[in-house]
Amino acid sequence: MAIRMPRIIQARKILRRSLSNGSRTPTYTDIPKGYFAIYVGEQEKKRHMVPVSLLSEPLFQDLLHQAEEEFGYNHPMGALTIPCSEDVFTDLASRLGAF
């Protein structure tokens, strides 16, 4: 089994960037090519960068269906909002190879 260190390092950099954007308003130019921004959390929502490849994963599609049921197509944060805890999302994303 090979360890993909460059991919892990890149994911950490992207995660740090998404979490450390401070008080400035995120824009579409902050999103690297091949990724999209989502907000995750039950109370306080945090912005994450997710690879587009996750869109084809059945578990991630289940989260998208939950988001559709809860928010419809009107997302209050201005981007896709996933209605689950950050811990659950991080665990799922790491199992799917996003982080």
Protein backbone atom coordinates (compact mmCIF):
# COMPACT_ATOMS: atom_id res chain seq x y z
CA MET A 1 0.00 0.00 0.00
CA ALA A 2 1.51 3.30 -1.08
CA ILE A 3 1.28 6.44 1.01
CA ARG A 4 0.29 9.49 -0.99
CA MET A 5 2.10 12.18 0.97
CA PRO A 6 1.99 14.95 -1.67
CA ARG A 7 -1.78 14.62 -1.85
CA ILE A 8 -2.10 14.74 1.95
CA ILE A 9 0.14 17.81 2.13
CA GLN A 10 -1.86 19.53 -0.61
CA ALA A 11 -5.14 18.72 1.16
CA ARG A 12 -3.82 20.15 4.43
CA LYS A 13 -2.78 23.36 2.69
CA ILE A 14 -6.21 23.69 1.12
CA LEU A 15 -7.94 22.97 4.43
CA ARG A 16 -5.76 25.54 6.23
CA ARG A 17 -6.54 28.11 3.55
CA SER A 18 -10.26 27.43 3.82
CA LEU A 19 -10.24 27.66 7.62
CA SER A 20 -7.92 30.65 7.94
CA ASN A 21 -9.60 33.08 5.58
CA GLY A 22 -10.39 35.20 8.64
CA SER A 23 -13.07 37.82 8.42
CA ARG A 24 -12.70 38.59 4.75
CA THR A 25 -15.47 37.42 2.45
CA PRO A 26 -14.53 34.32 0.45
CA THR A 27 -14.76 34.66 -3.31
CA TYR A 28 -14.80 32.23 -6.18
CA THR A 29 -11.14 33.04 -6.88
CA ASP A 30 -10.18 31.46 -3.53
CA ILE A 31 -11.24 28.05 -4.84
CA PRO A 32 -8.54 25.98 -6.57
CA LYS A 33 -9.30 24.36 -9.90
CA GLY A 34 -10.98 20.98 -9.44
CA TYR A 35 -12.51 21.91 -6.07
CA PHE A 36 -15.69 23.53 -4.83
CA ALA A 37 -16.56 25.27 -1.57
CA ILE A 38 -19.07 23.94 0.91
CA TYR A 39 -20.13 24.94 4.40
CA VAL A 40 -20.39 22.25 7.06
CA GLY A 41 -21.63 22.32 10.64
CA GLU A 42 -24.72 22.27 12.74
CA GLN A 43 -24.36 25.52 14.70
CA GLU A 44 -21.29 27.32 13.40
CA LYS A 45 -20.68 26.60 9.72
CA LYS A 46 -17.10 26.23 8.48
CA ARG A 47 -16.00 26.50 4.88
CA HIS A 48 -14.20 23.54 3.28
CA MET A 49 -12.73 22.93 -0.16
CA VAL A 50 -13.81 19.60 -1.59
CA PRO A 51 -12.53 17.91 -4.75
CA VAL A 52 -15.09 17.66 -7.54
CA SER A 53 -14.41 13.90 -7.67
CA LEU A 54 -16.50 13.49 -4.49
CA LEU A 55 -19.63 14.29 -6.48
CA SER A 56 -19.61 10.76 -7.91
CA GLU A 57 -19.39 9.07 -4.48
CA PRO A 58 -22.70 7.56 -3.24
CA LEU A 59 -22.07 8.58 0.39
CA PHE A 60 -21.43 12.18 -0.62
CA GLN A 61 -24.52 12.11 -2.83
CA ASP A 62 -26.52 11.10 0.25
CA LEU A 63 -25.28 14.25 2.00
CA LEU A 64 -26.29 16.29 -1.03
CA HIS A 65 -29.81 14.83 -0.88
CA GLN A 66 -30.00 15.74 2.83
CA ALA A 67 -28.88 19.28 1.99
CA GLU A 68 -31.56 19.49 -0.70
CA GLU A 69 -34.25 18.31 1.74
CA GLU A 70 -33.20 20.77 4.44
CA PHE A 71 -32.32 23.85 2.39
CA GLY A 72 -33.76 23.26 -1.07
CA TYR A 73 -31.73 25.32 -3.50
CA ASN A 74 -31.59 28.37 -1.26
CA HIS A 75 -28.37 28.10 0.73
CA PRO A 76 -28.10 30.87 3.33
CA MET A 77 -24.28 30.90 3.29
CA GLY A 78 -24.14 31.60 -0.45
CA ALA A 79 -22.59 28.20 -1.20
CA LEU A 80 -23.62 24.61 -0.74
CA THR A 81 -24.38 23.91 2.93
CA ILE A 82 -24.14 20.35 4.26
CA PRO A 83 -26.40 19.68 7.28
CA CYS A 84 -24.15 17.49 9.43
CA SER A 85 -21.53 17.95 12.11
CA GLU A 86 -18.04 18.88 11.03
CA ASP A 87 -16.64 15.72 12.64
CA VAL A 88 -18.96 13.47 10.63
CA PHE A 89 -18.11 15.31 7.42
CA THR A 90 -14.36 15.21 8.06
CA ASP A 91 -14.54 11.49 8.78
CA LEU A 92 -16.53 10.82 5.62
CA ALA A 93 -14.29 13.00 3.47
CA SER A 94 -11.14 11.32 4.76
CA ARG A 95 -12.62 7.86 4.07
CA LEU A 96 -13.43 8.96 0.53
CA GLY A 97 -9.92 10.35 0.02
CA ALA A 98 -10.78 14.06 -0.01
CA PHE A 99 -8.46 14.98 2.89
